[in-house]
Amino acid sequence: MADPVVIFAVAVAVGLMALRMRTLSLRRRAAEARYTLIADHLPRTALAVFDRDLRIQVLAGPAMSEATVARDEIEGRRITEVVPGERGRWLSGLYRSALDGETRSVEYASEADGRHYWLRIAPILQGEGE
């Protein structure tokens, strides 16, 4: 009779884990929607949110309408895939610093469109310093 209890415990643990993952996914989508909403109302601004692998998760804001590449071609890709070479590696270092908790402000001259941009790179804290 011990086996059904163990199986039940595993099923409960797996069910709880699936529920937690679904909850985290819903929270993440809600957060992404908030970032997009905020960015879409800041004039001449673009917002990019990266994951720990430096893949672009959210890309939003009015400045995206002037971009040389469509949003759906960029989201999900790593920064070095979007900006190749030395500049991509330089930007990766800046974004990696944000993941380590640092905030940076830099000027960036785009080779793609010839424009100069002011970048404010900061971590997004999820509570309790995460």
C-alpha atoms as a PDB file:
ATOM      1  CA  MET A   1       0.000   0.000   0.000  1.00  0.00           C
ATOM      2  CA  ALA A   2       2.984   2.324   0.217  1.00  0.00           C
ATOM      3  CA  ASP A   3       3.286   2.597  -3.580  1.00  0.00           C
ATOM      4  CA  PRO A   4       0.000   4.502  -4.124  1.00  0.00           C
ATOM      5  CA  VAL A   5       1.066   7.081  -1.530  1.00  0.00           C
ATOM      6  CA  VAL A   6       4.424   7.596  -3.239  1.00  0.00           C
ATOM      7  CA  ILE A   7       2.805   7.815  -6.664  1.00  0.00           C
ATOM      8  CA  PHE A   8       0.225  10.254  -5.305  1.00  0.00           C
ATOM      9  CA  ALA A   9       2.957  12.368  -3.698  1.00  0.00           C
ATOM     10  CA  VAL A  10       4.872  12.470  -6.966  1.00  0.00           C
ATOM     11  CA  ALA A  11       1.700  13.357  -8.862  1.00  0.00           C
ATOM     12  CA  VAL A  12       0.965  16.153  -6.396  1.00  0.00           C
ATOM     13  CA  ALA A  13       4.541  17.417  -6.601  1.00  0.00           C
ATOM     14  CA  VAL A  14       4.455  17.328 -10.411  1.00  0.00           C
ATOM     15  CA  GLY A  15       1.039  19.007 -10.401  1.00  0.00           C
ATOM     16  CA  LEU A  16       2.254  21.717  -8.033  1.00  0.00           C
ATOM     17  CA  MET A  17       5.366  22.243 -10.139  1.00  0.00           C
ATOM     18  CA  ALA A  18       3.260  22.546 -13.308  1.00  0.00           C
ATOM     19  CA  LEU A  19       0.953  25.001 -11.539  1.00  0.00           C
ATOM     20  CA  ARG A  20       3.945  27.053 -10.361  1.00  0.00           C
ATOM     21  CA  MET A  21       5.426  27.100 -13.874  1.00  0.00           C
ATOM     22  CA  ARG A  22       2.070  28.169 -15.334  1.00  0.00           C
ATOM     23  CA  THR A  23       1.746  30.889 -12.687  1.00  0.00           C
ATOM     24  CA  LEU A  24       5.274  32.128 -13.437  1.00  0.00           C
ATOM     25  CA  SER A  25       4.487  32.119 -17.155  1.00  0.00           C
ATOM     26  CA  LEU A  26       1.313  34.146 -16.557  1.00  0.00           C
ATOM     27  CA  ARG A  27       3.222  36.574 -14.343  1.00  0.00           C
ATOM     28  CA  ARG A  28       5.916  36.928 -16.981  1.00  0.00           C
ATOM     29  CA  ARG A  29       3.361  37.648 -19.715  1.00  0.00           C
ATOM     30  CA  ALA A  30       1.635  40.193 -17.477  1.00  0.00           C
ATOM     31  CA  ALA A  31       4.978  41.885 -16.762  1.00  0.00           C
ATOM     32  CA  GLU A  32       5.823  41.939 -20.476  1.00  0.00           C
ATOM     33  CA  ALA A  33       2.442  43.532 -21.194  1.00  0.00           C
ATOM     34  CA  ARG A  34       3.115  46.217 -18.562  1.00  0.00           C
ATOM     35  CA  TYR A  35       6.577  46.971 -20.005  1.00  0.00           C
ATOM     36  CA  THR A  36       5.097  47.230 -23.485  1.00  0.00           C
ATOM     37  CA  LEU A  37       2.279  49.496 -22.322  1.00  0.00           C
ATOM     38  CA  ILE A  38       4.690  51.828 -20.549  1.00  0.00           C
ATOM     39  CA  ALA A  39       7.182  51.898 -23.424  1.00  0.00           C
ATOM     40  CA  ASP A  40       4.481  52.525 -26.012  1.00  0.00           C
ATOM     41  CA  HIS A  41       3.589  55.782 -24.233  1.00  0.00           C
ATOM     42  CA  LEU A  42       7.082  57.217 -23.868  1.00  0.00           C
ATOM     43  CA  PRO A  43       7.876  59.388 -26.897  1.00  0.00           C
ATOM     44  CA  ARG A  44      10.976  58.569 -28.980  1.00  0.00           C
ATOM     45  CA  THR A  45      11.711  55.585 -26.757  1.00  0.00           C
ATOM     46  CA  ALA A  46      12.327  51.898 -27.267  1.00  0.00           C
ATOM     47  CA  LEU A  47      12.417  49.336 -24.484  1.00  0.00           C
ATOM     48  CA  ALA A  48      14.209  46.004 -24.720  1.00  0.00           C
ATOM     49  CA  VAL A  49      13.980  43.297 -22.069  1.00  0.00           C
ATOM     50  CA  PHE A  50      16.542  40.488 -22.168  1.00  0.00           C
ATOM     51  CA  ASP A  51      16.651  37.084 -20.501  1.00  0.00           C
ATOM     52  CA  ARG A  52      19.772  35.578 -18.907  1.00  0.00           C
ATOM     53  CA  ASP A  53      20.916  34.255 -22.299  1.00  0.00           C
ATOM     54  CA  LEU A  54      20.687  37.830 -23.651  1.00  0.00           C
ATOM     55  CA  ARG A  55      17.763  36.906 -25.883  1.00  0.00           C
ATOM     56  CA  ILE A  56      15.416  39.805 -26.526  1.00  0.00           C
ATOM     57  CA  GLN A  57      12.138  38.958 -24.791  1.00  0.00           C
ATOM     58  CA  VAL A  58      10.263  42.235 -25.207  1.00  0.00           C
ATOM     59  CA  LEU A  59      10.877  45.007 -27.681  1.00  0.00           C
ATOM     60  CA  ALA A  60       8.449  47.931 -27.550  1.00  0.00           C
ATOM     61  CA  GLY A  61       8.057  51.665 -27.869  1.00  0.00           C
ATOM     62  CA  PRO A  62       7.356  54.326 -30.486  1.00  0.00           C
ATOM     63  CA  ALA A  63      10.989  54.414 -31.646  1.00  0.00           C
ATOM     64  CA  MET A  64      10.521  50.883 -32.984  1.00  0.00           C
ATOM     65  CA  SER A  65       8.454  52.345 -35.838  1.00  0.00           C
ATOM     66  CA  GLU A  66      11.687  53.906 -37.139  1.00  0.00           C
ATOM     67  CA  ALA A  67      13.765  50.732 -36.774  1.00  0.00           C
ATOM     68  CA  THR A  68      15.357  49.176 -39.827  1.00  0.00           C
ATOM     69  CA  VAL A  69      14.310  45.680 -38.679  1.00  0.00           C
ATOM     70  CA  ALA A  70      10.823  44.515 -37.672  1.00  0.00           C
ATOM     71  CA  ARG A  71      10.124  43.708 -34.037  1.00  0.00           C
ATOM     72  CA  ASP A  72       9.129  40.093 -34.760  1.00  0.00           C
ATOM     73  CA  GLU A  73      12.472  39.554 -36.542  1.00  0.00           C
ATOM     74  CA  ILE A  74      14.349  40.621 -33.409  1.00  0.00           C
ATOM     75  CA  GLU A  75      12.403  39.198 -30.447  1.00  0.00           C
ATOM     76  CA  GLY A  76      13.773  35.846 -29.336  1.00  0.00           C
ATOM     77  CA  ARG A  77      17.211  36.477 -30.824  1.00  0.00           C
ATOM     78  CA  ARG A  78      20.441  37.215 -28.957  1.00  0.00           C
ATOM     79  CA  ILE A  79      21.822  40.742 -29.097  1.00  0.00           C
ATOM     80  CA  THR A  80      24.911  39.442 -30.945  1.00  0.00           C
ATOM     81  CA  GLU A  81      22.629  38.029 -33.658  1.00  0.00           C
ATOM     82  CA  VAL A  82      20.985  41.413 -34.119  1.00  0.00           C
ATOM     83  CA  VAL A  83      24.158  43.487 -33.745  1.00  0.00           C
ATOM     84  CA  PRO A  84      27.091  41.371 -34.979  1.00  0.00           C
ATOM     85  CA  GLY A  85      30.790  41.795 -34.388  1.00  0.00           C
ATOM     86  CA  GLU A  86      32.559  43.995 -31.887  1.00  0.00           C
ATOM     87  CA  ARG A  87      29.532  46.246 -31.254  1.00  0.00           C
ATOM     88  CA  GLY A  88      27.375  43.234 -30.430  1.00  0.00           C
ATOM     89  CA  ARG A  89      29.968  41.940 -27.984  1.00  0.00           C
ATOM     90  CA  TRP A  90      30.247  45.420 -26.425  1.00  0.00           C
ATOM     91  CA  LEU A  91      26.464  45.662 -26.015  1.00  0.00           C
ATOM     92  CA  SER A  92      26.357  42.116 -24.606  1.00  0.00           C
ATOM     93  CA  GLY A  93      28.817  43.168 -21.913  1.00  0.00           C
ATOM     94  CA  LEU A  94      26.616  46.114 -20.982  1.00  0.00           C
ATOM     95  CA  TYR A  95      23.468  43.979 -20.801  1.00  0.00           C
ATOM     96  CA  ARG A  96      25.326  41.270 -18.871  1.00  0.00           C
ATOM     97  CA  SER A  97      26.262  43.968 -16.313  1.00  0.00           C
ATOM     98  CA  ALA A  98      22.557  44.751 -15.868  1.00  0.00           C
ATOM     99  CA  LEU A  99      21.905  41.080 -15.169  1.00  0.00           C
ATOM    100  CA  ASP A 100      24.597  41.366 -12.492  1.00  0.00           C
ATOM    101  CA  GLY A 101      22.671  44.276 -10.930  1.00  0.00           C
ATOM    102  CA  GLU A 102      24.525  47.247 -12.438  1.00  0.00           C
ATOM    103  CA  THR A 103      23.009  50.280 -14.167  1.00  0.00           C
ATOM    104  CA  ARG A 104      24.791  51.894 -17.101  1.00  0.00           C
ATOM    105  CA  SER A 105      24.213  54.901 -19.360  1.00  0.00           C
ATOM    106  CA  VAL A 106      26.073  55.090 -22.656  1.00  0.00           C
ATOM    107  CA  GLU A 107      25.893  56.750 -26.034  1.00  0.00           C
ATOM    108  CA  TYR A 108      25.653  54.382 -28.986  1.00  0.00           C
ATOM    109  CA  ALA A 109      26.190  55.135 -32.682  1.00  0.00           C
ATOM    110  CA  SER A 110      24.285  52.637 -34.804  1.00  0.00           C
ATOM    111  CA  GLU A 111      26.028  51.327 -37.892  1.00  0.00           C
ATOM    112  CA  ALA A 112      22.653  50.137 -39.216  1.00  0.00           C
ATOM    113  CA  ASP A 113      20.954  53.551 -39.430  1.00  0.00           C
ATOM    114  CA  GLY A 114      23.758  56.021 -38.630  1.00  0.00           C
ATOM    115  CA  ARG A 115      21.855  57.494 -35.679  1.00  0.00           C
ATOM    116  CA  HIS A 116      23.146  58.193 -32.201  1.00  0.00           C
ATOM    117  CA  TYR A 117      21.245  56.735 -29.265  1.00  0.00           C
ATOM    118  CA  TRP A 118      21.392  57.214 -25.525  1.00  0.00           C
ATOM    119  CA  LEU A 119      21.095  53.841 -23.824  1.00  0.00           C
ATOM    120  CA  ARG A 120      20.011  53.469 -20.218  1.00  0.00           C
ATOM    121  CA  ILE A 121      20.635  49.861 -19.225  1.00  0.00           C
ATOM    122  CA  ALA A 122      19.323  48.723 -15.862  1.00  0.00           C
ATOM    123  CA  PRO A 123      18.245  45.508 -14.158  1.00  0.00           C
ATOM    124  CA  ILE A 124      14.568  44.762 -13.732  1.00  0.00           C
ATOM    125  CA  LEU A 125      14.109  43.627 -10.167  1.00  0.00           C
ATOM    126  CA  GLN A 126      11.384  41.094  -9.486  1.00  0.00           C
ATOM    127  CA  GLY A 127      11.264  41.671  -5.765  1.00  0.00           C
ATOM    128  CA  GLU A 128      13.636  41.001  -2.890  1.00  0.00           C
ATOM    129  CA  GLY A 129      16.556  42.082  -5.104  1.00  0.00           C
ATOM    130  CA  GLU A 130      16.083  39.319  -7.707  1.00  0.00           C
END
